């Protein structure tokens, strides 16, 4: 983590990935690095969770090719109409589907190692001036997943990625 965000509550990341195994793995990597993660399996759920968080999401990490509803690109554009300063990291196994990156957007092609994703997350967050103090951070939203009934939100986990996870790829 950068010195800029040490000493305050870690940023909250909204993670949107329709593949449950990938979502779980990426979420684990982010949590072990000290981030608070809100997990969603589709764009519709992500829009709802974003609205409930009342501006406390620091970063959107989304798959470009979501199985249900809108794409990750469309999701990012929609959420940025609500909060233009929100930073975005797009992930995709089909880089040809990433047609353009707006200012403040980053891209990580799948498969990726934890260090690759975390470098882009850190780069995106270092551009964000909206980091909050611990008193401003909301509790994770506890809700049923509206996308085919999957569990959507999980709690924060320990800091630091284990050394064996650093070289892992899925």
N, C-alpha and C. Protein backbone atom coordinates (compact mmCIF):
# COMPACT_ATOMS: atom_id res chain seq x y z
N UNK A 1 0.84 -1.17 0.00
CA UNK A 1 0.00 0.00 0.00
C UNK A 1 0.88 1.23 0.00
N UNK A 2 0.40 2.27 -0.59
CA UNK A 2 1.17 3.50 -0.62
C UNK A 2 1.13 4.17 0.75
N UNK A 3 2.11 5.03 0.99
CA UNK A 3 2.14 5.77 2.24
C UNK A 3 0.92 6.69 2.33
N UNK A 4 0.39 7.11 1.20
CA UNK A 4 -0.72 8.03 1.15
C UNK A 4 -1.96 7.48 1.84
N UNK A 5 -2.15 6.16 1.80
CA UNK A 5 -3.36 5.61 2.39
C UNK A 5 -3.11 4.84 3.69
N UNK A 6 -1.87 4.80 4.13
CA UNK A 6 -1.59 4.16 5.41
C UNK A 6 -2.13 5.04 6.52
N UNK A 7 -2.61 4.42 7.58
CA UNK A 7 -3.06 5.17 8.73
C UNK A 7 -4.53 5.59 8.66
N UNK A 8 -5.19 5.33 7.55
CA UNK A 8 -6.62 5.58 7.48
C UNK A 8 -7.30 4.29 7.05
N UNK A 9 -8.60 4.26 7.20
CA UNK A 9 -9.37 3.09 6.77
C UNK A 9 -9.11 2.85 5.29
N UNK A 10 -8.91 1.61 4.92
CA UNK A 10 -8.63 1.29 3.53
C UNK A 10 -9.84 1.58 2.65
N UNK A 11 -9.60 1.88 1.39
CA UNK A 11 -10.69 2.17 0.46
C UNK A 11 -11.61 0.97 0.27
N UNK A 12 -12.85 1.27 -0.09
CA UNK A 12 -13.83 0.25 -0.40
C UNK A 12 -13.87 0.05 -1.90
N UNK A 13 -13.74 -1.20 -2.33
CA UNK A 13 -13.76 -1.56 -3.74
C UNK A 13 -15.04 -2.31 -4.05
N UNK A 14 -15.72 -1.89 -5.10
CA UNK A 14 -16.89 -2.60 -5.61
C UNK A 14 -16.39 -3.52 -6.71
N UNK A 15 -16.43 -4.83 -6.45
CA UNK A 15 -15.95 -5.86 -7.37
C UNK A 15 -17.14 -6.50 -8.06
N UNK A 16 -17.16 -6.45 -9.39
CA UNK A 16 -18.26 -7.02 -10.17
C UNK A 16 -17.67 -8.05 -11.12
N UNK A 17 -18.01 -9.30 -10.87
CA UNK A 17 -17.49 -10.43 -11.67
C UNK A 17 -18.54 -11.52 -11.65
N UNK A 18 -18.98 -11.97 -12.83
CA UNK A 18 -20.04 -12.98 -12.89
C UNK A 18 -19.54 -14.40 -12.67
N UNK A 19 -18.27 -14.64 -12.83
CA UNK A 19 -17.70 -15.96 -12.58
C UNK A 19 -17.39 -16.07 -11.08
N UNK A 20 -18.13 -16.92 -10.39
CA UNK A 20 -18.03 -17.02 -8.93
C UNK A 20 -16.62 -17.36 -8.46
N UNK A 21 -15.93 -18.25 -9.17
CA UNK A 21 -14.58 -18.64 -8.74
C UNK A 21 -13.60 -17.48 -8.90
N UNK A 22 -13.69 -16.78 -10.00
CA UNK A 22 -12.81 -15.62 -10.22
C UNK A 22 -13.13 -14.53 -9.20
N UNK A 23 -14.41 -14.27 -8.98
CA UNK A 23 -14.84 -13.24 -8.02
C UNK A 23 -14.28 -13.56 -6.63
N UNK A 24 -14.39 -14.80 -6.21
CA UNK A 24 -13.91 -15.20 -4.88
C UNK A 24 -12.39 -15.02 -4.78
N UNK A 25 -11.67 -15.43 -5.80
CA UNK A 25 -10.21 -15.33 -5.79
C UNK A 25 -9.75 -13.87 -5.78
N UNK A 26 -10.31 -13.06 -6.66
CA UNK A 26 -9.93 -11.65 -6.73
C UNK A 26 -10.30 -10.94 -5.43
N UNK A 27 -11.46 -11.24 -4.90
CA UNK A 27 -11.88 -10.64 -3.64
C UNK A 27 -10.91 -10.99 -2.52
N UNK A 28 -10.51 -12.24 -2.47
CA UNK A 28 -9.55 -12.67 -1.45
C UNK A 28 -8.23 -11.90 -1.58
N UNK A 29 -7.73 -11.76 -2.81
CA UNK A 29 -6.48 -11.03 -3.02
C UNK A 29 -6.61 -9.59 -2.52
N UNK A 30 -7.73 -8.95 -2.86
CA UNK A 30 -7.94 -7.55 -2.45
C UNK A 30 -8.05 -7.42 -0.94
N UNK A 31 -8.80 -8.32 -0.32
CA UNK A 31 -8.97 -8.27 1.14
C UNK A 31 -7.64 -8.51 1.86
N UNK A 32 -6.87 -9.45 1.38
CA UNK A 32 -5.58 -9.72 2.01
C UNK A 32 -4.62 -8.55 1.88
N UNK A 33 -4.91 -7.68 0.94
CA UNK A 33 -4.12 -6.46 0.78
C UNK A 33 -4.68 -5.32 1.61
N UNK A 34 -5.74 -5.60 2.37
CA UNK A 34 -6.27 -4.61 3.29
C UNK A 34 -7.47 -3.82 2.79
N UNK A 35 -7.96 -4.12 1.61
CA UNK A 35 -9.11 -3.39 1.09
C UNK A 35 -10.42 -3.96 1.63
N UNK A 36 -11.42 -3.11 1.71
CA UNK A 36 -12.78 -3.54 1.99
C UNK A 36 -13.39 -3.83 0.63
N UNK A 37 -14.04 -4.98 0.48
CA UNK A 37 -14.57 -5.39 -0.82
C UNK A 37 -16.06 -5.64 -0.73
N UNK A 38 -16.80 -5.04 -1.65
CA UNK A 38 -18.22 -5.32 -1.84
C UNK A 38 -18.29 -6.14 -3.12
N UNK A 39 -18.78 -7.37 -3.03
CA UNK A 39 -18.84 -8.26 -4.20
C UNK A 39 -20.23 -8.24 -4.82
N UNK A 40 -20.26 -8.21 -6.14
CA UNK A 40 -21.51 -8.33 -6.89
C UNK A 40 -21.27 -9.24 -8.08
N UNK A 41 -22.32 -9.98 -8.45
CA UNK A 41 -22.19 -10.91 -9.57
C UNK A 41 -22.79 -10.38 -10.86
N UNK A 42 -23.43 -9.21 -10.82
CA UNK A 42 -23.98 -8.63 -12.05
C UNK A 42 -24.07 -7.12 -11.91
N UNK A 43 -24.29 -6.46 -13.04
CA UNK A 43 -24.34 -5.01 -13.06
C UNK A 43 -25.52 -4.45 -12.28
N UNK A 44 -26.68 -5.09 -12.37
CA UNK A 44 -27.86 -4.59 -11.66
C UNK A 44 -27.62 -4.55 -10.15
N UNK A 45 -27.02 -5.60 -9.63
CA UNK A 45 -26.72 -5.63 -8.21
C UNK A 45 -25.68 -4.57 -7.86
N UNK A 46 -24.70 -4.38 -8.73
CA UNK A 46 -23.65 -3.39 -8.48
C UNK A 46 -24.22 -1.97 -8.40
N UNK A 47 -25.16 -1.65 -9.28
CA UNK A 47 -25.79 -0.33 -9.25
C UNK A 47 -26.53 -0.13 -7.93
N UNK A 48 -27.24 -1.15 -7.48
CA UNK A 48 -27.97 -1.08 -6.21
C UNK A 48 -27.02 -0.92 -5.03
N UNK A 49 -25.96 -1.71 -4.98
CA UNK A 49 -25.00 -1.63 -3.87
C UNK A 49 -24.31 -0.27 -3.89
N UNK A 50 -23.94 0.21 -5.08
CA UNK A 50 -23.29 1.52 -5.18
C UNK A 50 -24.20 2.61 -4.60
N UNK A 51 -25.47 2.57 -4.95
CA UNK A 51 -26.42 3.57 -4.46
C UNK A 51 -26.57 3.48 -2.93
N UNK A 52 -26.59 2.27 -2.39
CA UNK A 52 -26.73 2.09 -0.94
C UNK A 52 -25.50 2.57 -0.17
N UNK A 53 -24.36 2.56 -0.80
CA UNK A 53 -23.12 2.95 -0.12
C UNK A 53 -22.95 4.47 -0.01
N UNK A 54 -23.85 5.23 -0.63
CA UNK A 54 -23.91 6.67 -0.45
C UNK A 54 -22.55 7.35 -0.67
N UNK A 55 -21.87 6.98 -1.75
CA UNK A 55 -20.62 7.64 -2.10
C UNK A 55 -19.39 7.10 -1.42
N UNK A 56 -19.48 5.98 -0.72
CA UNK A 56 -18.32 5.44 0.00
C UNK A 56 -17.51 4.43 -0.79
N UNK A 57 -17.86 4.18 -2.03
CA UNK A 57 -17.07 3.29 -2.88
C UNK A 57 -15.94 4.12 -3.48
N UNK A 58 -14.70 3.64 -3.34
CA UNK A 58 -13.53 4.36 -3.86
C UNK A 58 -13.14 3.92 -5.25
N UNK A 59 -13.46 2.66 -5.60
CA UNK A 59 -13.00 2.10 -6.86
C UNK A 59 -13.96 1.02 -7.33
N UNK A 60 -14.21 1.00 -8.63
CA UNK A 60 -14.98 -0.07 -9.26
C UNK A 60 -14.01 -0.97 -10.01
N UNK A 61 -14.01 -2.26 -9.68
CA UNK A 61 -13.26 -3.26 -10.43
C UNK A 61 -14.31 -4.16 -11.06
N UNK A 62 -14.39 -4.17 -12.38
CA UNK A 62 -15.44 -4.93 -13.04
C UNK A 62 -14.93 -5.68 -14.26
N UNK A 63 -15.49 -6.87 -14.42
CA UNK A 63 -15.28 -7.64 -15.64
C UNK A 63 -15.97 -6.89 -16.76
N UNK A 64 -15.40 -6.91 -17.94
CA UNK A 64 -16.00 -6.24 -19.09
C UNK A 64 -17.18 -7.05 -19.61
N UNK A 65 -17.02 -8.36 -19.65
CA UNK A 65 -18.02 -9.24 -20.25
C UNK A 65 -18.85 -9.92 -19.17
N UNK A 66 -19.86 -9.21 -18.68
CA UNK A 66 -20.75 -9.76 -17.66
C UNK A 66 -21.86 -10.55 -18.34
N UNK A 67 -22.26 -11.67 -17.73
CA UNK A 67 -23.23 -12.58 -18.34
C UNK A 67 -24.64 -12.00 -18.40
N UNK A 68 -25.02 -11.20 -17.42
CA UNK A 68 -26.39 -10.70 -17.35
C UNK A 68 -26.42 -9.18 -17.51
N UNK A 69 -27.33 -8.70 -18.31
CA UNK A 69 -27.55 -7.26 -18.41
C UNK A 69 -26.43 -6.52 -19.10
N UNK A 70 -26.09 -5.36 -18.54
CA UNK A 70 -25.12 -4.48 -19.18
C UNK A 70 -23.69 -4.97 -19.02
N UNK A 71 -22.83 -4.50 -19.90
CA UNK A 71 -21.40 -4.84 -19.85
C UNK A 71 -20.72 -4.07 -18.73
N UNK A 72 -19.51 -4.46 -18.43
CA UNK A 72 -18.73 -3.74 -17.43
C UNK A 72 -18.45 -2.30 -17.85
N UNK A 73 -18.21 -2.08 -19.16
CA UNK A 73 -18.01 -0.72 -19.66
C UNK A 73 -19.25 0.13 -19.41
N UNK A 74 -20.42 -0.41 -19.75
CA UNK A 74 -21.68 0.33 -19.57
C UNK A 74 -21.94 0.56 -18.08
N UNK A 75 -21.62 -0.42 -17.25
CA UNK A 75 -21.78 -0.26 -15.80
C UNK A 75 -20.92 0.89 -15.30
N UNK A 76 -19.65 0.91 -15.70
CA UNK A 76 -18.75 1.98 -15.26
C UNK A 76 -19.26 3.34 -15.70
N UNK A 77 -19.73 3.43 -16.95
CA UNK A 77 -20.26 4.70 -17.44
C UNK A 77 -21.48 5.12 -16.64
N UNK A 78 -22.37 4.17 -16.34
CA UNK A 78 -23.58 4.50 -15.58
C UNK A 78 -23.24 4.98 -14.18
N UNK A 79 -22.35 4.27 -13.51
CA UNK A 79 -21.98 4.66 -12.15
C UNK A 79 -21.25 6.00 -12.16
N UNK A 80 -20.45 6.25 -13.18
CA UNK A 80 -19.74 7.53 -13.24
C UNK A 80 -20.68 8.70 -13.54
N UNK A 81 -21.87 8.44 -14.06
CA UNK A 81 -22.83 9.53 -14.19
C UNK A 81 -23.31 9.98 -12.80
N UNK A 82 -23.28 9.04 -11.84
CA UNK A 82 -23.66 9.36 -10.47
C UNK A 82 -22.50 9.98 -9.69
N UNK A 83 -21.28 9.54 -10.03
CA UNK A 83 -20.08 10.04 -9.34
C UNK A 83 -18.91 10.04 -10.31
N UNK A 84 -18.73 11.13 -11.06
CA UNK A 84 -17.72 11.18 -12.12
C UNK A 84 -16.29 10.93 -11.67
N UNK A 85 -15.95 11.22 -10.41
CA UNK A 85 -14.57 11.05 -9.95
C UNK A 85 -14.23 9.60 -9.58
N UNK A 86 -15.22 8.70 -9.61
CA UNK A 86 -14.96 7.30 -9.27
C UNK A 86 -13.95 6.71 -10.24
N UNK A 87 -12.96 6.01 -9.72
CA UNK A 87 -11.95 5.35 -10.53
C UNK A 87 -12.43 3.96 -10.91
N UNK A 88 -11.91 3.46 -12.04
CA UNK A 88 -12.38 2.19 -12.60
C UNK A 88 -11.19 1.35 -13.03
N UNK A 89 -11.25 0.04 -12.70
CA UNK A 89 -10.31 -0.95 -13.25
C UNK A 89 -11.17 -1.99 -13.96
N UNK A 90 -10.97 -2.12 -15.26
CA UNK A 90 -11.65 -3.14 -16.05
C UNK A 90 -10.77 -4.36 -16.13
N UNK A 91 -11.40 -5.55 -16.05
CA UNK A 91 -10.68 -6.80 -16.23
C UNK A 91 -11.41 -7.60 -17.30
N UNK A 92 -10.65 -8.32 -18.13
CA UNK A 92 -11.29 -9.11 -19.17
C UNK A 92 -10.33 -10.12 -19.76
N UNK A 93 -10.88 -11.27 -20.10
CA UNK A 93 -10.14 -12.29 -20.83
C UNK A 93 -10.23 -12.06 -22.33
N UNK A 94 -11.03 -11.08 -22.72
CA UNK A 94 -11.21 -10.74 -24.13
C UNK A 94 -10.86 -9.27 -24.33
N UNK A 95 -9.56 -8.95 -24.40
CA UNK A 95 -9.16 -7.54 -24.47
C UNK A 95 -9.72 -6.81 -25.68
N UNK A 96 -10.09 -7.53 -26.72
CA UNK A 96 -10.68 -6.89 -27.89
C UNK A 96 -12.04 -6.26 -27.57
N UNK A 97 -12.67 -6.68 -26.46
CA UNK A 97 -13.95 -6.10 -26.05
C UNK A 97 -13.79 -4.79 -25.28
N UNK A 98 -12.55 -4.44 -24.97
CA UNK A 98 -12.28 -3.16 -24.31
C UNK A 98 -12.01 -2.16 -25.43
N UNK A 99 -13.06 -1.46 -25.83
CA UNK A 99 -12.96 -0.59 -26.99
C UNK A 99 -12.27 0.72 -26.71
N UNK A 100 -12.45 1.26 -25.51
CA UNK A 100 -11.76 2.49 -25.14
C UNK A 100 -11.72 2.61 -23.62
N UNK A 101 -10.69 3.28 -23.16
CA UNK A 101 -10.56 3.54 -21.73
C UNK A 101 -10.72 5.05 -21.52
N UNK A 102 -11.65 5.42 -20.68
CA UNK A 102 -11.83 6.83 -20.34
C UNK A 102 -10.73 7.27 -19.38
N UNK A 103 -10.62 8.57 -19.19
CA UNK A 103 -9.69 9.10 -18.19
C UNK A 103 -10.02 8.49 -16.83
N UNK A 104 -8.99 8.03 -16.12
CA UNK A 104 -9.19 7.43 -14.80
C UNK A 104 -9.53 5.96 -14.85
N UNK A 105 -9.63 5.37 -16.03
CA UNK A 105 -9.90 3.94 -16.16
C UNK A 105 -8.59 3.20 -16.40
N UNK A 106 -8.50 2.01 -15.83
CA UNK A 106 -7.33 1.15 -16.00
C UNK A 106 -7.82 -0.19 -16.52
N UNK A 107 -6.90 -0.97 -17.10
CA UNK A 107 -7.27 -2.27 -17.65
C UNK A 107 -6.25 -3.32 -17.28
N UNK A 108 -6.73 -4.52 -16.89
CA UNK A 108 -5.88 -5.66 -16.58
C UNK A 108 -6.43 -6.86 -17.36
N UNK A 109 -5.64 -7.41 -18.30
CA UNK A 109 -6.11 -8.58 -19.05
C UNK A 109 -6.04 -9.85 -18.21
N UNK A 110 -7.05 -10.71 -18.36
CA UNK A 110 -7.06 -12.02 -17.71
C UNK A 110 -6.31 -12.99 -18.61
N UNK A 111 -5.68 -13.99 -18.02
CA UNK A 111 -5.44 -14.19 -16.59
C UNK A 111 -4.37 -13.22 -16.08
N UNK A 112 -4.43 -12.90 -14.81
CA UNK A 112 -3.44 -12.01 -14.23
C UNK A 112 -3.01 -12.53 -12.87
N UNK A 113 -1.81 -12.14 -12.47
CA UNK A 113 -1.29 -12.47 -11.15
C UNK A 113 -1.80 -11.41 -10.17
N UNK A 114 -1.85 -11.74 -8.88
CA UNK A 114 -2.29 -10.75 -7.89
C UNK A 114 -1.51 -9.44 -7.99
N UNK A 115 -0.20 -9.52 -8.18
CA UNK A 115 0.61 -8.30 -8.24
C UNK A 115 0.20 -7.40 -9.40
N UNK A 116 -0.20 -7.99 -10.53
CA UNK A 116 -0.63 -7.19 -11.68
C UNK A 116 -1.91 -6.43 -11.37
N UNK A 117 -2.88 -7.13 -10.79
CA UNK A 117 -4.14 -6.48 -10.43
C UNK A 117 -3.90 -5.42 -9.36
N UNK A 118 -3.16 -5.77 -8.33
CA UNK A 118 -2.94 -4.84 -7.23
C UNK A 118 -2.18 -3.59 -7.66
N UNK A 119 -1.29 -3.73 -8.64
CA UNK A 119 -0.57 -2.56 -9.16
C UNK A 119 -1.55 -1.59 -9.84
N UNK A 120 -2.49 -2.12 -10.59
CA UNK A 120 -3.48 -1.26 -11.25
C UNK A 120 -4.46 -0.67 -10.24
N UNK A 121 -4.85 -1.44 -9.24
CA UNK A 121 -5.73 -0.92 -8.19
C UNK A 121 -5.04 0.23 -7.47
N UNK A 122 -3.79 0.03 -7.10
CA UNK A 122 -3.03 1.08 -6.41
C UNK A 122 -2.87 2.31 -7.30
N UNK A 123 -2.59 2.10 -8.58
CA UNK A 123 -2.45 3.24 -9.50
C UNK A 123 -3.76 4.01 -9.62
N UNK A 124 -4.85 3.29 -9.74
CA UNK A 124 -6.16 3.95 -9.85
C UNK A 124 -6.48 4.72 -8.57
N UNK A 125 -6.25 4.11 -7.42
CA UNK A 125 -6.57 4.76 -6.16
C UNK A 125 -5.66 5.94 -5.87
N UNK A 126 -4.44 5.89 -6.35
CA UNK A 126 -3.53 7.02 -6.10
C UNK A 126 -4.00 8.26 -6.85
N UNK A 127 -4.82 8.08 -7.88
CA UNK A 127 -5.39 9.21 -8.61
C UNK A 127 -6.62 9.76 -7.91
N UNK A 128 -7.22 9.00 -7.01
CA UNK A 128 -8.47 9.36 -6.36
C UNK A 128 -8.20 10.21 -5.13
N UNK A 129 -8.75 11.40 -5.08
CA UNK A 129 -8.57 12.26 -3.93
C UNK A 129 -9.69 12.10 -2.92
N UNK A 130 -10.61 11.18 -3.15
CA UNK A 130 -11.77 11.03 -2.29
C UNK A 130 -11.63 9.97 -1.21
N UNK A 131 -10.41 9.61 -0.80
CA UNK A 131 -10.25 8.63 0.27
C UNK A 131 -10.83 9.19 1.56
N UNK A 132 -11.38 8.32 2.38
CA UNK A 132 -12.10 8.74 3.57
C UNK A 132 -11.41 8.28 4.84
N UNK A 133 -11.71 8.97 5.91
CA UNK A 133 -11.20 8.58 7.22
C UNK A 133 -12.05 7.44 7.75
N UNK A 134 -11.59 6.73 8.77
CA UNK A 134 -12.36 5.60 9.30
C UNK A 134 -13.79 5.96 9.70
N UNK A 135 -13.99 7.14 10.25
CA UNK A 135 -15.33 7.53 10.68
C UNK A 135 -16.30 7.66 9.52
N UNK A 136 -15.79 7.91 8.32
CA UNK A 136 -16.63 8.08 7.15
C UNK A 136 -16.98 6.78 6.46
N UNK A 137 -16.32 5.67 6.81
CA UNK A 137 -16.52 4.41 6.11
C UNK A 137 -17.78 3.70 6.58
N UNK A 138 -18.63 3.27 5.64
CA UNK A 138 -19.83 2.52 6.01
C UNK A 138 -19.50 1.06 6.26
N UNK A 139 -20.40 0.37 6.91
CA UNK A 139 -20.28 -1.08 7.04
C UNK A 139 -20.64 -1.71 5.71
N UNK A 140 -20.09 -2.86 5.37
CA UNK A 140 -20.48 -3.53 4.12
C UNK A 140 -21.98 -3.78 4.09
N UNK A 141 -22.54 -3.65 2.91
CA UNK A 141 -23.97 -3.89 2.73
C UNK A 141 -24.23 -5.37 2.81
N UNK A 142 -25.16 -5.78 3.64
CA UNK A 142 -25.55 -7.17 3.74
C UNK A 142 -26.86 -7.32 2.99
N UNK A 143 -26.84 -8.06 1.89
CA UNK A 143 -28.06 -8.22 1.10
C UNK A 143 -28.01 -9.49 0.30
N UNK A 144 -29.17 -9.94 -0.10
CA UNK A 144 -29.25 -11.09 -0.98
C UNK A 144 -28.85 -10.64 -2.37
N UNK A 145 -28.14 -11.47 -3.07
CA UNK A 145 -27.72 -11.17 -4.43
C UNK A 145 -28.93 -11.24 -5.35
N UNK A 146 -29.13 -10.21 -6.14
CA UNK A 146 -30.27 -10.17 -7.05
C UNK A 146 -29.98 -10.87 -8.37
N UNK A 147 -28.80 -11.40 -8.52
CA UNK A 147 -28.40 -12.06 -9.76
C UNK A 147 -28.42 -13.57 -9.56
N UNK A 148 -29.49 -14.21 -9.90
CA UNK A 148 -29.65 -15.66 -9.77
C UNK A 148 -29.43 -16.17 -8.35
N UNK A 149 -29.70 -15.35 -7.35
CA UNK A 149 -29.70 -15.81 -5.96
C UNK A 149 -28.35 -16.13 -5.35
N UNK A 150 -27.23 -15.66 -5.93
CA UNK A 150 -25.92 -15.94 -5.36
C UNK A 150 -25.62 -14.98 -4.23
N UNK A 151 -24.82 -15.43 -3.27
CA UNK A 151 -24.40 -14.55 -2.18
C UNK A 151 -23.54 -13.45 -2.75
N UNK A 152 -23.77 -12.20 -2.33
CA UNK A 152 -23.10 -11.10 -2.98
C UNK A 152 -22.07 -10.35 -2.18
N UNK A 153 -22.21 -10.18 -0.90
CA UNK A 153 -21.33 -9.32 -0.15
C UNK A 153 -20.61 -10.10 0.93
N UNK A 154 -19.33 -9.84 1.04
CA UNK A 154 -18.53 -10.52 2.04
C UNK A 154 -17.79 -9.52 2.89
N UNK A 155 -17.25 -9.95 3.97
CA UNK A 155 -16.58 -9.07 4.92
C UNK A 155 -15.09 -8.90 4.60
N UNK A 156 -14.47 -7.92 5.24
CA UNK A 156 -13.06 -7.65 5.09
C UNK A 156 -12.24 -8.79 5.68
N UNK A 157 -11.09 -9.04 5.09
CA UNK A 157 -10.21 -10.11 5.56
C UNK A 157 -8.86 -9.51 5.98
N UNK A 158 -7.90 -10.36 6.36
CA UNK A 158 -6.61 -9.87 6.86
C UNK A 158 -5.80 -9.11 5.81
N UNK A 159 -4.82 -8.36 6.30
CA UNK A 159 -3.91 -7.61 5.43
C UNK A 159 -2.85 -8.54 4.86
N UNK A 160 -2.23 -8.10 3.77
CA UNK A 160 -1.08 -8.78 3.16
C UNK A 160 -1.44 -10.03 2.37
N UNK A 161 -1.01 -10.08 1.15
CA UNK A 161 -1.18 -11.28 0.34
C UNK A 161 -0.08 -12.26 0.74
N UNK A 162 -0.46 -13.50 0.90
CA UNK A 162 0.52 -14.54 1.22
C UNK A 162 1.48 -14.70 0.05
N UNK A 163 2.73 -14.98 0.34
CA UNK A 163 3.74 -15.09 -0.71
C UNK A 163 3.34 -16.07 -1.80
N UNK A 164 2.73 -17.18 -1.43
CA UNK A 164 2.36 -18.17 -2.45
C UNK A 164 1.27 -17.64 -3.37
N UNK A 165 0.47 -16.67 -2.91
CA UNK A 165 -0.58 -16.11 -3.76
C UNK A 165 -0.04 -15.12 -4.76
N UNK A 166 1.12 -14.54 -4.49
CA UNK A 166 1.67 -13.52 -5.38
C UNK A 166 1.96 -14.09 -6.77
N UNK A 167 2.33 -15.32 -6.87
CA UNK A 167 2.66 -15.89 -8.17
C UNK A 167 1.49 -16.65 -8.77
N UNK A 168 0.39 -16.72 -8.07
CA UNK A 168 -0.77 -17.48 -8.55
C UNK A 168 -1.45 -16.76 -9.70
N UNK A 169 -2.00 -17.54 -10.59
CA UNK A 169 -2.89 -17.06 -11.65
C UNK A 169 -4.00 -18.06 -11.72
N UNK A 170 -5.13 -17.64 -12.19
CA UNK A 170 -6.17 -18.63 -12.35
C UNK A 170 -6.27 -19.01 -13.78
